[in-house]
Amino acid sequence: MRILFLLFSGTNNTLKIARLLASDFALKGHVSEIVNINIDTPLIDISNYDLVGLGYPIYAFNEPRFFWRYIKRLQLCKNVKYFIFKSSGETLALNNASSRRIIRKLRNEKCDLLGDYHFVMPYNIHFRFDDAFVKEIMIFNRKLSKILVENVIKGKKSFLKTNILYNFLAWIIGIQRPGATINSYLYRTDMNKCIKCMKCVRDCPTHNIYYEDGKIKFRHSCQMCMRCSFFCPVDAISIGYINAWRVNGAYRFFEIEKNEALPLPYITRQSKGFYRCFIRYFADIDKSYSDI
């Protein structure tokens, strides 16, 4: 089986999931290709594939705006099977509604959709996850990856539960997407810290960042993917009215997963507040994993 992973990944969380899935499909003898789109990516002819995975990070309970625009223009094929995989930093049920437009397009065009899967990945905004939590998340992501692969190969369909209320609330929140444009007027780079490596300019998926007159400047097509502020090597980028939530510096997944000194389990039945939602999420994955 020839598989295409067609995705957008701002800070590489969704890309990491795609690579994990591709590795698990490879163990079953299947060949994968991964395409992480940006605003310039031409429409891909998907008729050459047997299976297409559509992946994205959840932004405010919706898919990224330019990813949806890409999928909306994509020519789908009825003889290709599809699945959706998405990532976010929390397990709120409202996230389940984020794929509603993609699912509607696939079903309207009579495509065979095999499922919709939600992977948790560490935040690239709000606050930084502890290494022990990241390690535990990746343990469960590896289980969920194997669940997805087994389900897809067997043709077993699996969808996240949503309803009219979730769909409506996600739509309402999606109306706020122009906030990214408004916020982009407030972006700043501290040129006293900036080392002019041009990483932000080169890597911006919408070419929103440019260098002019000795300064890093911003246009107004920002998707708020956080790639620039997250990966800036000197933490020189201020991201407007959400700057207090800025997270800087990539998670060292390889080192974290190999670190045997990290205390686990991180999530227990006594977990409270933000972490409480992970109790059931992890339990559900364990139950499904025991069935494969």
Protein backbone atom coordinates (compact mmCIF):
# COMPACT_ATOMS: atom_id res chain seq x y z
CA MET A 1 0.00 0.00 0.00
CA ARG A 2 1.29 3.45 -0.93
CA ILE A 3 0.47 6.09 1.68
CA LEU A 4 0.56 9.88 1.55
CA PHE A 5 0.68 11.94 4.74
CA LEU A 6 -0.56 15.38 3.71
CA LEU A 7 -0.29 17.77 6.61
CA PHE A 8 0.56 21.13 8.04
CA SER A 9 2.76 21.25 11.12
CA GLY A 10 3.74 24.56 12.66
CA THR A 11 6.24 23.47 15.29
CA ASN A 12 6.66 19.87 14.07
CA ASN A 13 4.33 18.17 16.56
CA THR A 14 1.98 16.92 13.86
CA LEU A 15 4.96 16.10 11.67
CA LYS A 16 6.39 13.95 14.47
CA ILE A 17 3.11 12.05 14.66
CA ALA A 18 3.17 11.54 10.87
CA ARG A 19 6.68 10.11 11.09
CA LEU A 20 5.61 7.82 13.92
CA LEU A 21 2.64 6.57 11.88
CA ALA A 22 4.80 6.12 8.78
CA SER A 23 7.24 4.03 10.82
CA ASP A 24 4.45 1.79 12.11
CA PHE A 25 2.99 1.38 8.61
CA ALA A 26 6.49 0.50 7.37
CA LEU A 27 6.62 -2.35 9.90
CA LYS A 28 3.56 -3.72 8.12
CA GLY A 29 5.27 -3.46 4.74
CA HIS A 30 3.73 -0.21 3.51
CA VAL A 31 5.54 2.73 1.92
CA SER A 32 4.79 6.31 2.99
CA GLU A 33 5.50 9.80 1.71
CA ILE A 34 5.18 12.86 3.97
CA VAL A 35 4.33 16.33 2.66
CA ASN A 36 4.27 19.21 5.16
CA ILE A 37 2.60 22.01 3.22
CA ASN A 38 3.20 25.73 3.26
CA ILE A 39 1.37 28.50 1.44
CA ASP A 40 3.29 27.78 -1.79
CA THR A 41 2.74 24.02 -1.92
CA PRO A 42 1.08 23.04 -5.21
CA LEU A 43 -1.99 20.81 -5.13
CA ILE A 44 -0.91 17.17 -5.05
CA ASP A 45 -2.29 14.47 -7.32
CA ILE A 46 -3.48 11.96 -4.75
CA SER A 47 -4.74 9.46 -7.33
CA ASN A 48 -1.32 7.77 -7.17
CA TYR A 49 -1.87 6.69 -3.56
CA ASP A 50 -3.94 4.00 -1.88
CA LEU A 51 -4.31 5.81 1.43
CA VAL A 52 -4.10 9.47 2.42
CA GLY A 53 -3.70 10.74 5.99
CA LEU A 54 -4.72 14.37 6.46
CA GLY A 55 -3.00 15.91 9.48
CA TYR A 56 -3.01 19.23 11.26
CA PRO A 57 -2.57 20.92 14.66
CA ILE A 58 -5.81 22.10 16.23
CA TYR A 59 -5.98 25.90 16.50
CA ALA A 60 -8.75 27.15 18.80
CA PHE A 61 -10.85 24.02 18.12
CA ASN A 62 -10.48 24.35 14.33
CA GLU A 63 -8.07 23.34 11.59
CA PRO A 64 -5.49 25.97 10.52
CA ARG A 65 -7.05 28.39 8.08
CA PHE A 66 -4.66 27.91 5.19
CA PHE A 67 -4.67 24.12 5.62
CA TRP A 68 -8.44 24.11 5.16
CA ARG A 69 -8.11 26.32 2.09
CA TYR A 70 -5.64 23.81 0.64
CA ILE A 71 -7.90 20.82 1.37
CA LYS A 72 -10.91 22.70 0.01
CA ARG A 73 -9.17 23.02 -3.38
CA LEU A 74 -7.78 19.49 -3.39
CA GLN A 75 -9.15 17.08 -5.98
CA LEU A 76 -10.21 14.00 -4.03
CA CYS A 77 -10.40 10.49 -5.47
CA LYS A 78 -13.12 8.00 -4.59
CA ASN A 79 -10.80 5.02 -5.04
CA VAL A 80 -8.44 6.34 -2.33
CA LYS A 81 -9.06 5.73 1.37
CA TYR A 82 -8.58 8.53 3.91
CA PHE A 83 -8.04 9.11 7.60
CA ILE A 84 -7.55 12.24 9.69
CA PHE A 85 -4.98 12.72 12.44
CA LYS A 86 -4.64 15.89 14.47
CA SER A 87 -2.73 17.14 17.47
CA SER A 88 -3.26 19.53 20.34
CA GLY A 89 -2.05 20.06 23.88
CA GLU A 90 -5.23 19.02 25.67
CA THR A 91 -8.04 16.48 25.43
CA LEU A 92 -11.08 18.78 25.56
CA ALA A 93 -14.04 17.20 23.77
CA LEU A 94 -14.54 20.40 21.79
CA ASN A 95 -11.38 19.48 19.86
CA ASN A 96 -13.36 16.61 18.33
CA ALA A 97 -15.32 19.12 16.23
CA SER A 98 -12.22 20.55 14.57
CA SER A 99 -12.38 18.18 11.58
CA ARG A 100 -16.03 18.87 10.75
CA ARG A 101 -15.39 20.71 7.47
CA ILE A 102 -12.83 18.19 6.23
CA ILE A 103 -15.17 15.31 7.11
CA ARG A 104 -18.05 17.06 5.35
CA LYS A 105 -15.98 17.53 2.18
CA LEU A 106 -14.88 13.89 2.17
CA ARG A 107 -18.40 12.60 2.70
CA ASN A 108 -19.94 14.98 0.17
CA GLU A 109 -17.52 13.66 -2.42
CA LYS A 110 -18.37 10.04 -1.51
CA CYS A 111 -14.87 9.26 -0.23
CA ASP A 112 -14.11 6.36 2.08
CA LEU A 113 -13.08 7.95 5.40
CA LEU A 114 -11.67 5.44 7.87
CA GLY A 115 -11.40 7.58 10.96
CA ASP A 116 -10.47 10.71 12.87
CA TYR A 117 -7.75 10.47 15.54
CA HIS A 118 -6.57 12.98 18.11
CA PHE A 119 -2.98 12.84 19.40
CA VAL A 120 -1.89 14.94 22.37
CA MET A 121 1.43 16.74 21.98
CA PRO A 122 3.18 19.22 24.31
CA TYR A 123 2.14 22.85 24.12
CA ASN A 124 4.02 25.32 21.94
CA ILE A 125 2.05 28.12 23.60
CA HIS A 126 0.42 28.69 27.03
CA PHE A 127 3.10 26.90 29.09
CA ARG A 128 5.89 24.38 28.72
CA PHE A 129 5.15 20.76 29.61
CA ASP A 130 7.39 18.99 32.12
CA ASP A 131 9.74 16.44 30.58
CA ALA A 132 8.12 13.59 32.52
CA PHE A 133 4.72 14.55 31.12
CA VAL A 134 6.16 14.71 27.60
CA LYS A 135 7.63 11.23 28.02
CA GLU A 136 4.30 9.82 29.17
CA ILE A 137 2.47 11.54 26.31
CA MET A 138 4.84 9.93 23.80
CA ILE A 139 4.35 6.49 25.38
CA PHE A 140 0.63 6.81 24.73
CA ASN A 141 1.12 8.34 21.30
CA ARG A 142 3.10 5.26 20.29
CA LYS A 143 0.19 3.11 21.46
CA LEU A 144 -2.35 5.27 19.62
CA SER A 145 -0.23 5.11 16.46
CA LYS A 146 -0.34 1.32 16.52
CA ILE A 147 -4.10 1.41 17.17
CA LEU A 148 -4.61 3.68 14.15
CA VAL A 149 -2.44 1.55 11.88
CA GLU A 150 -4.18 -1.67 12.89
CA ASN A 151 -7.63 -0.12 12.43
CA VAL A 152 -6.81 1.32 9.02
CA ILE A 153 -5.26 -1.89 7.69
CA LYS A 154 -8.27 -3.89 8.87
CA GLY A 155 -10.72 -1.29 7.53
CA LYS A 156 -12.11 -0.69 11.01
CA LYS A 157 -13.59 2.80 11.26
CA SER A 158 -13.12 4.96 14.35
CA PHE A 159 -14.42 8.48 14.85
CA LEU A 160 -14.26 10.97 17.68
CA LYS A 161 -17.59 11.82 19.25
CA THR A 162 -18.98 15.25 18.49
CA ASN A 163 -22.41 16.84 18.34
CA ILE A 164 -24.31 19.89 17.13
CA LEU A 165 -23.32 21.93 20.18
CA TYR A 166 -19.59 21.19 19.79
CA ASN A 167 -19.77 21.95 16.07
CA PHE A 168 -21.55 25.23 16.73
CA LEU A 169 -19.15 26.32 19.47
CA ALA A 170 -16.13 25.46 17.34
CA TRP A 171 -17.65 27.50 14.50
CA ILE A 172 -18.23 30.46 16.82
CA ILE A 173 -14.66 30.33 18.09
CA GLY A 174 -13.44 29.98 14.50
CA ILE A 175 -14.97 33.37 13.73
CA GLN A 176 -12.14 34.79 15.84
CA ARG A 177 -9.53 33.71 13.26
CA PRO A 178 -9.04 37.33 12.09
CA GLY A 179 -7.47 37.79 15.53
CA ALA A 180 -4.28 36.31 14.10
CA THR A 181 -4.17 39.09 11.54
CA ILE A 182 -4.88 41.76 14.13
CA ASN A 183 -2.29 40.31 16.50
CA SER A 184 0.35 40.33 13.76
CA TYR A 185 0.41 44.14 13.95
CA LEU A 186 1.80 43.73 17.47
CA TYR A 187 4.63 41.31 16.67
CA ARG A 188 8.10 42.61 17.48
CA THR A 189 11.67 41.37 17.31
CA ASP A 190 14.22 42.52 19.88
CA MET A 191 17.06 43.44 17.54
CA ASN A 192 19.43 43.72 20.50
CA LYS A 193 19.00 39.97 21.00
CA CYS A 194 18.46 38.94 17.38
CA ILE A 195 21.52 37.30 15.76
CA LYS A 196 20.11 37.70 12.23
CA CYS A 197 20.19 33.97 11.55
CA MET A 198 17.10 34.46 9.36
CA LYS A 199 15.58 31.20 10.59
CA CYS A 200 12.21 32.88 11.15
CA VAL A 201 12.29 34.46 7.68
CA ARG A 202 13.20 31.20 5.93
CA ASP A 203 10.82 28.96 7.85
CA CYS A 204 7.58 30.96 8.07
CA PRO A 205 4.97 28.84 6.25
CA THR A 206 3.08 31.91 4.97
CA HIS A 207 6.12 34.14 4.25
CA ASN A 208 4.82 36.53 6.85
CA ILE A 209 8.30 37.49 8.08
CA TYR A 210 10.92 39.48 6.17
CA TYR A 211 14.15 41.37 6.76
CA GLU A 212 14.36 45.02 5.76
CA ASP A 213 16.43 48.02 6.81
CA GLY A 214 18.32 45.95 9.36
CA LYS A 215 15.16 44.71 11.09
CA ILE A 216 12.98 41.61 11.20
CA LYS A 217 9.49 42.70 10.17
CA PHE A 218 6.07 41.08 9.96
CA ARG A 219 3.32 41.18 7.37
CA HIS A 220 -0.26 40.27 8.23
CA SER A 221 -0.83 36.72 6.99
CA CYS A 222 0.14 35.07 10.28
CA GLN A 223 -1.51 31.73 11.16
CA MET A 224 -0.26 31.90 14.76
CA CYS A 225 1.52 28.57 14.31
CA MET A 226 4.26 29.79 16.73
CA ARG A 227 7.07 28.44 14.56
CA CYS A 228 9.01 31.71 14.69
CA SER A 229 8.81 32.35 18.44
CA PHE A 230 9.13 28.67 19.38
CA PHE A 231 12.30 28.02 17.39
CA CYS A 232 14.04 31.40 17.72
CA PRO A 233 17.50 30.45 19.09
CA VAL A 234 17.73 33.61 21.22
CA ASP A 235 14.04 34.05 22.14
CA ALA A 236 13.92 37.46 20.47
CA ILE A 237 10.36 37.42 19.08
CA SER A 238 7.41 38.92 20.93
CA ILE A 239 4.01 37.61 19.79
CA GLY A 240 1.68 40.48 20.61
CA TYR A 241 -1.21 40.21 23.04
CA ILE A 242 -0.48 36.53 23.76
CA ASN A 243 3.20 37.09 24.51
CA ALA A 244 2.74 36.05 28.14
CA TRP A 245 1.91 32.55 26.80
CA ARG A 246 5.03 32.34 24.63
CA VAL A 247 6.97 29.06 24.80
CA ASN A 248 10.50 29.08 23.39
CA GLY A 249 12.73 26.13 22.58
CA ALA A 250 12.05 22.76 20.97
CA TYR A 251 11.27 19.76 23.14
CA ARG A 252 14.15 17.29 23.02
CA PHE A 253 11.97 14.26 22.39
CA PHE A 254 14.76 11.76 21.81
CA GLU A 255 16.55 12.66 25.04
CA ILE A 256 13.30 12.84 27.00
CA GLU A 257 12.08 9.43 25.83
CA LYS A 258 15.43 7.85 26.68
CA ASN A 259 15.64 9.44 30.14
CA GLU A 260 14.94 6.63 32.61
CA ALA A 261 15.21 8.99 35.58
CA LEU A 262 11.97 10.80 34.79
CA PRO A 263 9.26 9.88 37.34
CA LEU A 264 6.31 8.00 35.85
CA PRO A 265 3.38 7.79 35.85
CA TYR A 266 2.93 11.53 35.59
CA ILE A 267 -0.85 11.31 35.30
CA THR A 268 -2.57 9.45 38.14
CA ARG A 269 -6.10 9.17 39.48
CA GLN A 270 -5.18 12.02 41.84
CA SER A 271 -4.28 14.41 38.99
CA LYS A 272 -6.24 17.65 39.21
CA GLY A 273 -7.04 20.77 37.24
CA PHE A 274 -5.71 20.88 33.69
CA TYR A 275 -4.21 17.40 34.02
CA ARG A 276 -7.41 15.66 35.08
CA CYS A 277 -8.69 15.34 31.49
CA PHE A 278 -5.76 13.04 30.66
CA ILE A 279 -6.89 10.33 33.09
CA ARG A 280 -9.71 9.11 30.84
CA TYR A 281 -7.78 9.87 27.62
CA PHE A 282 -4.90 7.60 28.62
CA ALA A 283 -7.28 4.94 29.96
CA ASP A 284 -9.21 4.86 26.67
CA ILE A 285 -5.97 4.41 24.72
CA ASP A 286 -4.87 1.59 27.03
CA LYS A 287 -8.22 -0.16 26.54
CA SER A 288 -8.07 0.09 22.74
CA TYR A 289 -4.41 -0.94 22.72
CA SER A 290 -5.20 -4.10 24.71
CA ASP A 291 -7.69 -5.10 22.01
CA ILE A 292 -5.25 -5.11 19.09
